Amino acid sequence: WRANIRRAITDGALAFLACFSQQSVGRRKSYQNEELVLAIEQLRLRQPDDPWLIPVRFDECAIPDRDLGGGRTLASIQRADLFGKQADQNAAQLAEAIRRILGRDT
């Protein structure tokens, strides 16, 4: 399954949703770290304005401050918060962003 995930990230994925929660960021060891490294490598190959990597939070947690290059960090880019009063609106905006990404020429 690890090889399948690696291929999915590196072989032309149209988007990568990096999902975070208090539980996931609280783990000392996680395969999510390996997946993030691969996703960040792929993001660095893309144009700076390509909305390919989208952080998603499921609760009030800190997004890891990983370096994305070009002065950007994972914590500094646009994210989708799928909790709280704005959860439904944010989920709709995320779905629309994904529809736009899927509709563009690759």
PDB file of N, CA and C in Angstrom:
ATOM      1  N   TRP A   1       0.814  -1.205   0.000  1.00  0.00           N
ATOM      2  CA  TRP A   1       0.000   0.000   0.000  1.00  0.00           C
ATOM      3  C   TRP A   1       0.850   1.259   0.000  1.00  0.00           C
ATOM      4  N   ARG A   2       2.039   1.190   0.617  1.00  0.00           N
ATOM      5  CA  ARG A   2       2.915   2.369   0.621  1.00  0.00           C
ATOM      6  C   ARG A   2       3.359   2.728  -0.789  1.00  0.00           C
ATOM      7  N   ALA A   3       3.650   1.716  -1.603  1.00  0.00           N
ATOM      8  CA  ALA A   3       4.044   1.979  -2.990  1.00  0.00           C
ATOM      9  C   ALA A   3       2.880   2.592  -3.768  1.00  0.00           C
ATOM     10  N   ASN A   4       1.677   2.141  -3.513  1.00  0.00           N
ATOM     11  CA  ASN A   4       0.501   2.701  -4.187  1.00  0.00           C
ATOM     12  C   ASN A   4       0.291   4.163  -3.814  1.00  0.00           C
ATOM     13  N   ILE A   5       0.476   4.489  -2.556  1.00  0.00           N
ATOM     14  CA  ILE A   5       0.340   5.879  -2.116  1.00  0.00           C
ATOM     15  C   ILE A   5       1.416   6.740  -2.768  1.00  0.00           C
ATOM     16  N   ARG A   6       2.640   6.231  -2.787  1.00  0.00           N
ATOM     17  CA  ARG A   6       3.749   6.973  -3.413  1.00  0.00           C
ATOM     18  C   ARG A   6       3.428   7.250  -4.881  1.00  0.00           C
ATOM     19  N   ARG A   7       2.955   6.241  -5.595  1.00  0.00           N
ATOM     20  CA  ARG A   7       2.604   6.425  -7.014  1.00  0.00           C
ATOM     21  C   ARG A   7       1.469   7.433  -7.174  1.00  0.00           C
ATOM     22  N   ALA A   8       0.479   7.357  -6.306  1.00  0.00           N
ATOM     23  CA  ALA A   8      -0.654   8.277  -6.396  1.00  0.00           C
ATOM     24  C   ALA A   8      -0.196   9.720  -6.222  1.00  0.00           C
ATOM     25  N   ILE A   9       0.756   9.953  -5.360  1.00  0.00           N
ATOM     26  CA  ILE A   9       1.246  11.311  -5.107  1.00  0.00           C
ATOM     27  C   ILE A   9       2.146  11.785  -6.242  1.00  0.00           C
ATOM     28  N   THR A  10       3.002  10.926  -6.741  1.00  0.00           N
ATOM     29  CA  THR A  10       4.028  11.358  -7.696  1.00  0.00           C
ATOM     30  C   THR A  10       3.638  11.213  -9.157  1.00  0.00           C
ATOM     31  N   ASP A  11       2.635  10.423  -9.468  1.00  0.00           N
ATOM     32  CA  ASP A  11       2.299  10.150 -10.870  1.00  0.00           C
ATOM     33  C   ASP A  11       1.090  10.938 -11.357  1.00  0.00           C
ATOM     34  N   GLY A  12       1.192  12.250 -11.295  1.00  0.00           N
ATOM     35  CA  GLY A  12       0.177  13.086 -11.917  1.00  0.00           C
ATOM     36  C   GLY A  12      -1.081  13.326 -11.108  1.00  0.00           C
ATOM     37  N   ALA A  13      -1.012  13.237  -9.804  1.00  0.00           N
ATOM     38  CA  ALA A  13      -2.185  13.551  -8.985  1.00  0.00           C
ATOM     39  C   ALA A  13      -2.619  14.987  -9.275  1.00  0.00           C
ATOM     40  N   LEU A  14      -3.910  15.206  -9.418  1.00  0.00           N
ATOM     41  CA  LEU A  14      -4.420  16.537  -9.718  1.00  0.00           C
ATOM     42  C   LEU A  14      -4.486  17.430  -8.490  1.00  0.00           C
ATOM     43  N   ALA A  15      -4.528  16.820  -7.304  1.00  0.00           N
ATOM     44  CA  ALA A  15      -4.558  17.582  -6.051  1.00  0.00           C
ATOM     45  C   ALA A  15      -4.100  16.667  -4.922  1.00  0.00           C
ATOM     46  N   PHE A  16      -3.630  17.297  -3.849  1.00  0.00           N
ATOM     47  CA  PHE A  16      -3.243  16.557  -2.649  1.00  0.00           C
ATOM     48  C   PHE A  16      -3.844  17.281  -1.457  1.00  0.00           C
ATOM     49  N   LEU A  17      -4.742  16.604  -0.749  1.00  0.00           N
ATOM     50  CA  LEU A  17      -5.333  17.153   0.467  1.00  0.00           C
ATOM     51  C   LEU A  17      -4.551  16.600   1.640  1.00  0.00           C
ATOM     52  N   ALA A  18      -3.852  17.482   2.339  1.00  0.00           N
ATOM     53  CA  ALA A  18      -3.090  17.095   3.523  1.00  0.00           C
ATOM     54  C   ALA A  18      -4.002  17.294   4.729  1.00  0.00           C
ATOM     55  N   CYS A  19      -4.474  16.207   5.313  1.00  0.00           N
ATOM     56  CA  CYS A  19      -5.478  16.263   6.380  1.00  0.00           C
ATOM     57  C   CYS A  19      -4.824  16.216   7.760  1.00  0.00           C
ATOM     58  N   PHE A  20      -5.307  17.110   8.642  1.00  0.00           N
ATOM     59  CA  PHE A  20      -4.746  17.234   9.978  1.00  0.00           C
ATOM     60  C   PHE A  20      -5.839  17.270  11.033  1.00  0.00           C
ATOM     61  N   SER A  21      -5.512  16.706  12.179  1.00  0.00           N
ATOM     62  CA  SER A  21      -6.366  16.780  13.365  1.00  0.00           C
ATOM     63  C   SER A  21      -5.434  16.801  14.575  1.00  0.00           C
ATOM     64  N   GLN A  22      -5.983  17.074  15.735  1.00  0.00           N
ATOM     65  CA  GLN A  22      -5.158  17.050  16.936  1.00  0.00           C
ATOM     66  C   GLN A  22      -4.519  15.676  17.114  1.00  0.00           C
ATOM     67  N   GLN A  23      -5.270  14.645  16.802  1.00  0.00           N
ATOM     68  CA  GLN A  23      -4.743  13.290  16.948  1.00  0.00           C
ATOM     69  C   GLN A  23      -3.601  13.026  15.961  1.00  0.00           C
ATOM     70  N   SER A  24      -3.772  13.444  14.708  1.00  0.00           N
ATOM     71  CA  SER A  24      -2.728  13.157  13.713  1.00  0.00           C
ATOM     72  C   SER A  24      -1.445  13.945  13.976  1.00  0.00           C
ATOM     73  N   VAL A  25      -1.566  15.216  14.355  1.00  0.00           N
ATOM     74  CA  VAL A  25      -0.352  15.995  14.596  1.00  0.00           C
ATOM     75  C   VAL A  25       0.293  15.643  15.932  1.00  0.00           C
ATOM     76  N   GLY A  26      -0.450  14.973  16.807  1.00  0.00           N
ATOM     77  CA  GLY A  26       0.088  14.573  18.100  1.00  0.00           C
ATOM     78  C   GLY A  26       0.912  13.296  18.070  1.00  0.00           C
ATOM     79  N   ARG A  27       0.873  12.583  16.961  1.00  0.00           N
ATOM     80  CA  ARG A  27       1.647  11.342  16.855  1.00  0.00           C
ATOM     81  C   ARG A  27       3.127  11.653  16.676  1.00  0.00           C
ATOM     82  N   ARG A  28       3.941  10.904  17.379  1.00  0.00           N
ATOM     83  CA  ARG A  28       5.399  11.078  17.226  1.00  0.00           C
ATOM     84  C   ARG A  28       5.881  10.494  15.913  1.00  0.00           C
ATOM     85  N   LYS A  29       5.285   9.387  15.483  1.00  0.00           N
ATOM     86  CA  LYS A  29       5.655   8.731  14.231  1.00  0.00           C
ATOM     87  C   LYS A  29       4.383   8.502  13.421  1.00  0.00           C
ATOM     88  N   SER A  30       4.492   8.754  12.109  1.00  0.00           N
ATOM     89  CA  SER A  30       3.328   8.582  11.259  1.00  0.00           C
ATOM     90  C   SER A  30       3.770   8.489   9.802  1.00  0.00           C
ATOM     91  N   TYR A  31       3.080   7.664   9.021  1.00  0.00           N
ATOM     92  CA  TYR A  31       3.341   7.613   7.581  1.00  0.00           C
ATOM     93  C   TYR A  31       2.929   8.920   6.913  1.00  0.00           C
ATOM     94  N   GLN A  32       2.084   9.698   7.586  1.00  0.00           N
ATOM     95  CA  GLN A  32       1.686  10.981   7.044  1.00  0.00           C
ATOM     96  C   GLN A  32       2.915  11.866   6.808  1.00  0.00           C
ATOM     97  N   ASN A  33       3.922  11.765   7.650  1.00  0.00           N
ATOM     98  CA  ASN A  33       5.142  12.552   7.470  1.00  0.00           C
ATOM     99  C   ASN A  33       5.824  12.213   6.153  1.00  0.00           C
ATOM    100  N   GLU A  34       5.900  10.943   5.838  1.00  0.00           N
ATOM    101  CA  GLU A  34       6.504  10.515   4.572  1.00  0.00           C
ATOM    102  C   GLU A  34       5.683  11.025   3.386  1.00  0.00           C
ATOM    103  N   GLU A  35       4.362  10.938   3.496  1.00  0.00           N
ATOM    104  CA  GLU A  35       3.483  11.412   2.429  1.00  0.00           C
ATOM    105  C   GLU A  35       3.625  12.919   2.233  1.00  0.00           C
ATOM    106  N   LEU A  36       3.748  13.665   3.328  1.00  0.00           N
ATOM    107  CA  LEU A  36       3.931  15.113   3.221  1.00  0.00           C
ATOM    108  C   LEU A  36       5.235  15.466   2.519  1.00  0.00           C
ATOM    109  N   VAL A  37       6.297  14.747   2.825  1.00  0.00           N
ATOM    110  CA  VAL A  37       7.583  14.991   2.160  1.00  0.00           C
ATOM    111  C   VAL A  37       7.430  14.806   0.649  1.00  0.00           C
ATOM    112  N   LEU A  38       6.775  13.722   0.241  1.00  0.00           N
ATOM    113  CA  LEU A  38       6.554  13.480  -1.192  1.00  0.00           C
ATOM    114  C   LEU A  38       5.697  14.572  -1.815  1.00  0.00           C
ATOM    115  N   ALA A  39       4.634  14.958  -1.124  1.00  0.00           N
ATOM    116  CA  ALA A  39       3.743  15.992  -1.651  1.00  0.00           C
ATOM    117  C   ALA A  39       4.468  17.328  -1.782  1.00  0.00           C
ATOM    118  N   ILE A  40       5.283  17.668  -0.815  1.00  0.00           N
ATOM    119  CA  ILE A  40       6.028  18.930  -0.875  1.00  0.00           C
ATOM    120  C   ILE A  40       7.031  18.900  -2.025  1.00  0.00           C
ATOM    121  N   GLU A  41       7.675  17.758  -2.249  1.00  0.00           N
ATOM    122  CA  GLU A  41       8.589  17.627  -3.391  1.00  0.00           C
ATOM    123  C   GLU A  41       7.835  17.862  -4.697  1.00  0.00           C
ATOM    124  N   GLN A  42       6.638  17.292  -4.817  1.00  0.00           N
ATOM    125  CA  GLN A  42       5.835  17.470  -6.025  1.00  0.00           C
ATOM    126  C   GLN A  42       5.372  18.919  -6.171  1.00  0.00           C
ATOM    127  N   LEU A  43       4.996  19.542  -5.071  1.00  0.00           N
ATOM    128  CA  LEU A  43       4.563  20.939  -5.104  1.00  0.00           C
ATOM    129  C   LEU A  43       5.690  21.837  -5.608  1.00  0.00           C
ATOM    130  N   ARG A  44       6.915  21.559  -5.197  1.00  0.00           N
ATOM    131  CA  ARG A  44       8.060  22.383  -5.600  1.00  0.00           C
ATOM    132  C   ARG A  44       8.325  22.303  -7.102  1.00  0.00           C
ATOM    133  N   LEU A  45       7.852  21.249  -7.761  1.00  0.00           N
ATOM    134  CA  LEU A  45       8.023  21.106  -9.204  1.00  0.00           C
ATOM    135  C   LEU A  45       6.980  21.911  -9.982  1.00  0.00           C
ATOM    136  N   ARG A  46       5.954  22.361  -9.303  1.00  0.00           N
ATOM    137  CA  ARG A  46       4.835  23.057  -9.940  1.00  0.00           C
ATOM    138  C   ARG A  46       5.013  24.569  -9.895  1.00  0.00           C
ATOM    139  N   GLN A  47       4.205  25.247 -10.670  1.00  0.00           N
ATOM    140  CA  GLN A  47       4.180  26.704 -10.647  1.00  0.00           C
ATOM    141  C   GLN A  47       3.750  27.174  -9.259  1.00  0.00           C
ATOM    142  N   PRO A  48       4.282  28.299  -8.771  1.00  0.00           N
ATOM    143  CA  PRO A  48       3.961  28.765  -7.419  1.00  0.00           C
ATOM    144  C   PRO A  48       2.469  29.018  -7.175  1.00  0.00           C
ATOM    145  N   ASP A  49       1.719  29.355  -8.214  1.00  0.00           N
ATOM    146  CA  ASP A  49       0.295  29.648  -8.030  1.00  0.00           C
ATOM    147  C   ASP A  49      -0.604  28.436  -8.287  1.00  0.00           C
ATOM    148  N   ASP A  50      -0.026  27.260  -8.432  1.00  0.00           N
ATOM    149  CA  ASP A  50      -0.792  26.028  -8.665  1.00  0.00           C
ATOM    150  C   ASP A  50      -1.385  25.547  -7.338  1.00  0.00           C
ATOM    151  N   PRO A  51      -2.714  25.529  -7.209  1.00  0.00           N
ATOM    152  CA  PRO A  51      -3.336  25.127  -5.939  1.00  0.00           C
ATOM    153  C   PRO A  51      -3.405  23.609  -5.795  1.00  0.00           C
ATOM    154  N   TRP A  52      -2.283  22.962  -5.804  1.00  0.00           N
ATOM    155  CA  TRP A  52      -2.238  21.501  -5.794  1.00  0.00           C
ATOM    156  C   TRP A  52      -2.289  20.930  -4.382  1.00  0.00           C
ATOM    157  N   LEU A  53      -1.581  21.526  -3.457  1.00  0.00           N
ATOM    158  CA  LEU A  53      -1.508  21.048  -2.075  1.00  0.00           C
ATOM    159  C   LEU A  53      -2.438  21.897  -1.213  1.00  0.00           C
ATOM    160  N   ILE A  54      -3.434  21.252  -0.627  1.00  0.00           N
ATOM    161  CA  ILE A  54      -4.420  21.973   0.172  1.00  0.00           C
ATOM    162  C   ILE A  54      -4.466  21.356   1.569  1.00  0.00           C
ATOM    163  N   PRO A  55      -4.016  22.087   2.593  1.00  0.00           N
ATOM    164  CA  PRO A  55      -4.145  21.595   3.965  1.00  0.00           C
ATOM    165  C   PRO A  55      -5.617  21.643   4.409  1.00  0.00           C
ATOM    166  N   VAL A  56      -6.051  20.589   5.088  1.00  0.00           N
ATOM    167  CA  VAL A  56      -7.418  20.497   5.601  1.00  0.00           C
ATOM    168  C   VAL A  56      -7.330  20.180   7.088  1.00  0.00           C
ATOM    169  N   ARG A  57      -8.034  20.977   7.899  1.00  0.00           N
ATOM    170  CA  ARG A  57      -8.052  20.722   9.340  1.00  0.00           C
ATOM    171  C   ARG A  57      -9.439  20.220   9.744  1.00  0.00           C
ATOM    172  N   PHE A  58      -9.460  19.162  10.559  1.00  0.00           N
ATOM    173  CA  PHE A  58     -10.712  18.599  11.057  1.00  0.00           C
ATOM    174  C   PHE A  58     -11.067  19.078  12.451  1.00  0.00           C
ATOM    175  N   ASP A  59     -10.121  19.739  13.110  1.00  0.00           N
ATOM    176  CA  ASP A  59     -10.366  20.348  14.413  1.00  0.00           C
ATOM    177  C   ASP A  59      -9.318  21.428  14.637  1.00  0.00           C
ATOM    178  N   GLU A  60      -9.355  22.055  15.772  1.00  0.00           N
ATOM    179  CA  GLU A  60      -8.450  23.158  16.097  1.00  0.00           C
ATOM    180  C   GLU A  60      -7.055  22.598  16.397  1.00  0.00           C
ATOM    181  N   CYS A  61      -6.265  22.424  15.364  1.00  0.00           N
ATOM    182  CA  CYS A  61      -4.908  21.890  15.518  1.00  0.00           C
ATOM    183  C   CYS A  61      -3.942  22.779  14.752  1.00  0.00           C
ATOM    184  N   ALA A  62      -2.687  22.669  15.100  1.00  0.00           N
ATOM    185  CA  ALA A  62      -1.645  23.422  14.397  1.00  0.00           C
ATOM    186  C   ALA A  62      -1.184  22.624  13.188  1.00  0.00           C
ATOM    187  N   ILE A  63      -1.137  23.285  12.050  1.00  0.00           N
ATOM    188  CA  ILE A  63      -0.594  22.647  10.847  1.00  0.00           C
ATOM    189  C   ILE A  63       0.922  22.724  10.948  1.00  0.00           C
ATOM    190  N   PRO A  64       1.621  21.629  10.684  1.00  0.00           N
ATOM    191  CA  PRO A  64       3.091  21.659  10.760  1.00  0.00           C
ATOM    192  C   PRO A  64       3.667  22.759   9.868  1.00  0.00           C
ATOM    193  N   ASP A  65       4.659  23.439  10.354  1.00  0.00           N
ATOM    194  CA  ASP A  65       5.262  24.565   9.653  1.00  0.00           C
ATOM    195  C   ASP A  65       6.376  24.077   8.737  1.00  0.00           C
ATOM    196  N   ARG A  66       6.025  23.230   7.796  1.00  0.00           N
ATOM    197  CA  ARG A  66       7.015  22.666   6.861  1.00  0.00           C
ATOM    198  C   ARG A  66       7.357  23.652   5.762  1.00  0.00           C
ATOM    199  N   ASP A  67       8.618  23.697   5.384  1.00  0.00           N
ATOM    200  CA  ASP A  67       9.094  24.594   4.330  1.00  0.00           C
ATOM    201  C   ASP A  67       8.627  24.078   2.973  1.00  0.00           C
ATOM    202  N   LEU A  68       7.962  24.950   2.205  1.00  0.00           N
ATOM    203  CA  LEU A  68       7.511  24.597   0.863  1.00  0.00           C
ATOM    204  C   LEU A  68       8.406  25.195  -0.209  1.00  0.00           C
ATOM    205  N   GLY A  69       9.350  26.027   0.198  1.00  0.00           N
ATOM    206  CA  GLY A  69      10.198  26.729  -0.758  1.00  0.00           C
ATOM    207  C   GLY A  69       9.569  28.064  -1.130  1.00  0.00           C
ATOM    208  N   GLY A  70      10.359  28.937  -1.674  1.00  0.00           N
ATOM    209  CA  GLY A  70       9.869  30.235  -2.111  1.00  0.00           C
ATOM    210  C   GLY A  70       9.327  31.095  -0.989  1.00  0.00           C
ATOM    211  N   GLY A  71       9.805  30.871   0.236  1.00  0.00           N
ATOM    212  CA  GLY A  71       9.339  31.653   1.369  1.00  0.00           C
ATOM    213  C   GLY A  71       7.989  31.218   1.924  1.00  0.00           C
ATOM    214  N   ARG A  72       7.453  30.136   1.399  1.00  0.00           N
ATOM    215  CA  ARG A  72       6.157  29.645   1.874  1.00  0.00           C
ATOM    216  C   ARG A  72       6.355  28.456   2.807  1.00  0.00           C
ATOM    217  N   THR A  73       5.397  28.301   3.716  1.00  0.00           N
ATOM    218  CA  THR A  73       5.365  27.121   4.578  1.00  0.00           C
ATOM    219  C   THR A  73       3.986  26.488   4.477  1.00  0.00           C
ATOM    220  N   LEU A  74       3.902  25.252   4.890  1.00  0.00           N
ATOM    221  CA  LEU A  74       2.623  24.550   4.870  1.00  0.00           C
ATOM    222  C   LEU A  74       1.585  25.297   5.706  1.00  0.00           C
ATOM    223  N   ALA A  75       2.029  25.853   6.824  1.00  0.00           N
ATOM    224  CA  ALA A  75       1.106  26.579   7.703  1.00  0.00           C
ATOM    225  C   ALA A  75       0.681  27.929   7.127  1.00  0.00           C
ATOM    226  N   SER A  76       1.405  28.448   6.126  1.00  0.00           N
ATOM    227  CA  SER A  76       1.100  29.782   5.607  1.00  0.00           C
ATOM    228  C   SER A  76       0.187  29.785   4.385  1.00  0.00           C
ATOM    229  N   ILE A  77      -0.044  28.640   3.772  1.00  0.00           N
ATOM    230  CA  ILE A  77      -0.862  28.627   2.563  1.00  0.00           C
ATOM    231  C   ILE A  77      -2.341  28.445   2.913  1.00  0.00           C
ATOM    232  N   GLN A  78      -3.193  28.759   1.949  1.00  0.00           N
ATOM    233  CA  GLN A  78      -4.640  28.660   2.137  1.00  0.00           C
ATOM    234  C   GLN A  78      -5.027  27.262   2.573  1.00  0.00           C
ATOM    235  N   ARG A  79      -5.873  27.182   3.594  1.00  0.00           N
ATOM    236  CA  ARG A  79      -6.306  25.888   4.101  1.00  0.00           C
ATOM    237  C   ARG A  79      -7.819  25.851   4.175  1.00  0.00           C
ATOM    238  N   ALA A  80      -8.349  24.662   4.383  1.00  0.00           N
ATOM    239  CA  ALA A  80      -9.788  24.472   4.587  1.00  0.00           C
ATOM    240  C   ALA A  80      -9.994  23.946   6.000  1.00  0.00           C
ATOM    241  N   ASP A  81     -10.784  24.669   6.786  1.00  0.00           N
ATOM    242  CA  ASP A  81     -11.130  24.239   8.140  1.00  0.00           C
ATOM    243  C   ASP A  81     -12.518  23.613   8.102  1.00  0.00           C
ATOM    244  N   LEU A  82     -12.598  22.321   8.360  1.00  0.00           N
ATOM    245  CA  LEU A  82     -13.869  21.605   8.283  1.00  0.00           C
ATOM    246  C   LEU A  82     -14.424  21.336   9.675  1.00  0.00           C
ATOM    247  N   PHE A  83     -14.460  22.366  10.492  1.00  0.00           N
ATOM    248  CA  PHE A  83     -15.019  22.288  11.842  1.00  0.00           C
ATOM    249  C   PHE A  83     -15.522  23.681  12.208  1.00  0.00           C
ATOM    250  N   GLY A  84     -16.303  23.766  13.260  1.00  0.00           N
ATOM    251  CA  GLY A  84     -16.786  25.057  13.738  1.00  0.00           C
ATOM    252  C   GLY A  84     -17.960  25.582  12.935  1.00  0.00           C
ATOM    253  N   LYS A  85     -18.289  26.838  13.174  1.00  0.00           N
ATOM    254  CA  LYS A  85     -19.467  27.466  12.576  1.00  0.00           C
ATOM    255  C   LYS A  85     -19.390  27.561  11.054  1.00  0.00           C
ATOM    256  N   GLN A  86     -18.205  27.674  10.511  1.00  0.00           N
ATOM    257  CA  GLN A  86     -18.026  27.829   9.069  1.00  0.00           C
ATOM    258  C   GLN A  86     -17.767  26.507   8.349  1.00  0.00           C
ATOM    259  N   ALA A  87     -17.922  25.380   9.046  1.00  0.00           N
ATOM    260  CA  ALA A  87     -17.563  24.076   8.471  1.00  0.00           C
ATOM    261  C   ALA A  87     -18.284  23.802   7.158  1.00  0.00           C
ATOM    262  N   ASP A  88     -19.591  24.021   7.117  1.00  0.00           N
ATOM    263  CA  ASP A  88     -20.348  23.733   5.889  1.00  0.00           C
ATOM    264  C   ASP A  88     -19.919  24.641   4.746  1.00  0.00           C
ATOM    265  N   GLN A  89     -19.759  25.915   5.030  1.00  0.00           N
ATOM    266  CA  GLN A  89     -19.322  26.859   4.001  1.00  0.00           C
ATOM    267  C   GLN A  89     -17.920  26.512   3.506  1.00  0.00           C
ATOM    268  N   ASN A  90     -17.022  26.198   4.424  1.00  0.00           N
ATOM    269  CA  ASN A  90     -15.654  25.840   4.047  1.00  0.00           C
ATOM    270  C   ASN A  90     -15.612  24.546   3.249  1.00  0.00           C
ATOM    271  N   ALA A  91     -16.455  23.581   3.607  1.00  0.00           N
ATOM    272  CA  ALA A  91     -16.518  22.320   2.854  1.00  0.00           C
ATOM    273  C   ALA A  91     -17.011  22.581   1.431  1.00  0.00           C
ATOM    274  N   ALA A  92     -17.991  23.457   1.288  1.00  0.00           N
ATOM    275  CA  ALA A  92     -18.493  23.802  -0.046  1.00  0.00           C
ATOM    276  C   ALA A  92     -17.405  24.491  -0.870  1.00  0.00           C
ATOM    277  N   GLN A  93     -16.632  25.386  -0.241  1.00  0.00           N
ATOM    278  CA  GLN A  93     -15.541  26.064  -0.947  1.00  0.00           C
ATOM    279  C   GLN A  93     -14.452  25.079  -1.350  1.00  0.00           C
ATOM    280  N   LEU A  94     -14.149  24.123  -0.473  1.00  0.00           N
ATOM    281  CA  LEU A  94     -13.158  23.101  -0.802  1.00  0.00           C
ATOM    282  C   LEU A  94     -13.640  22.258  -1.977  1.00  0.00           C
ATOM    283  N   ALA A  95     -14.900  21.856  -1.947  1.00  0.00           N
ATOM    284  CA  ALA A  95     -15.455  21.056  -3.048  1.00  0.00           C
ATOM    285  C   ALA A  95     -15.397  21.832  -4.362  1.00  0.00           C
ATOM    286  N   GLU A  96     -15.684  23.124  -4.322  1.00  0.00           N
ATOM    287  CA  GLU A  96     -15.618  23.947  -5.530  1.00  0.00           C
ATOM    288  C   GLU A  96     -14.176  24.063  -6.028  1.00  0.00           C
ATOM    289  N   ALA A  97     -13.229  24.227  -5.121  1.00  0.00           N
ATOM    290  CA  ALA A  97     -11.819  24.288  -5.520  1.00  0.00           C
ATOM    291  C   ALA A  97     -11.392  22.985  -6.194  1.00  0.00           C
ATOM    292  N   ILE A  98     -11.817  21.862  -5.646  1.00  0.00           N
ATOM    293  CA  ILE A  98     -11.479  20.559  -6.243  1.00  0.00           C
ATOM    294  C   ILE A  98     -12.129  20.421  -7.611  1.00  0.00           C
ATOM    295  N   ARG A  99     -13.380  20.862  -7.745  1.00  0.00           N
ATOM    296  CA  ARG A  99     -14.046  20.821  -9.063  1.00  0.00           C
ATOM    297  C   ARG A  99     -13.266  21.641 -10.078  1.00  0.00           C
ATOM    298  N   ARG A 100     -12.784  22.819  -9.679  1.00  0.00           N
ATOM    299  CA  ARG A 100     -11.996  23.655 -10.598  1.00  0.00           C
ATOM    300  C   ARG A 100     -10.705  22.943 -11.001  1.00  0.00           C
ATOM    301  N   ILE A 101     -10.043  22.336 -10.022  1.00  0.00           N
ATOM    302  CA  ILE A 101      -8.800  21.623 -10.313  1.00  0.00           C
ATOM    303  C   ILE A 101      -9.058  20.460 -11.252  1.00  0.00           C
ATOM    304  N   LEU A 102     -10.101  19.713 -11.018  1.00  0.00           N
ATOM    305  CA  LEU A 102     -10.419  18.559 -11.871  1.00  0.00           C
ATOM    306  C   LEU A 102     -10.849  18.971 -13.274  1.00  0.00           C
ATOM    307  N   GLY A 103     -11.378  20.169 -13.405  1.00  0.00           N
ATOM    308  CA  GLY A 103     -11.862  20.630 -14.695  1.00  0.00           C
ATOM    309  C   GLY A 103     -10.819  21.254 -15.585  1.00  0.00           C
ATOM    310  N   ARG A 104      -9.662  21.582 -15.028  1.00  0.00           N
ATOM    311  CA  ARG A 104      -8.640  22.230 -15.848  1.00  0.00           C
ATOM    312  C   ARG A 104      -7.857  21.192 -16.644  1.00  0.00           C
ATOM    313  N   ASP A 105      -7.224  21.635 -17.706  1.00  0.00           N
ATOM    314  CA  ASP A 105      -6.381  20.757 -18.507  1.00  0.00           C
ATOM    315  C   ASP A 105      -5.122  20.425 -17.734  1.00  0.00           C
ATOM    316  N   THR A 106      -4.700  19.180 -17.796  1.00  0.00           N
ATOM    317  CA  THR A 106      -3.483  18.764 -17.095  1.00  0.00           C
ATOM    318  C   THR A 106      -2.371  18.485 -18.067  1.00  0.00           C
TER     319      THR A 106
END
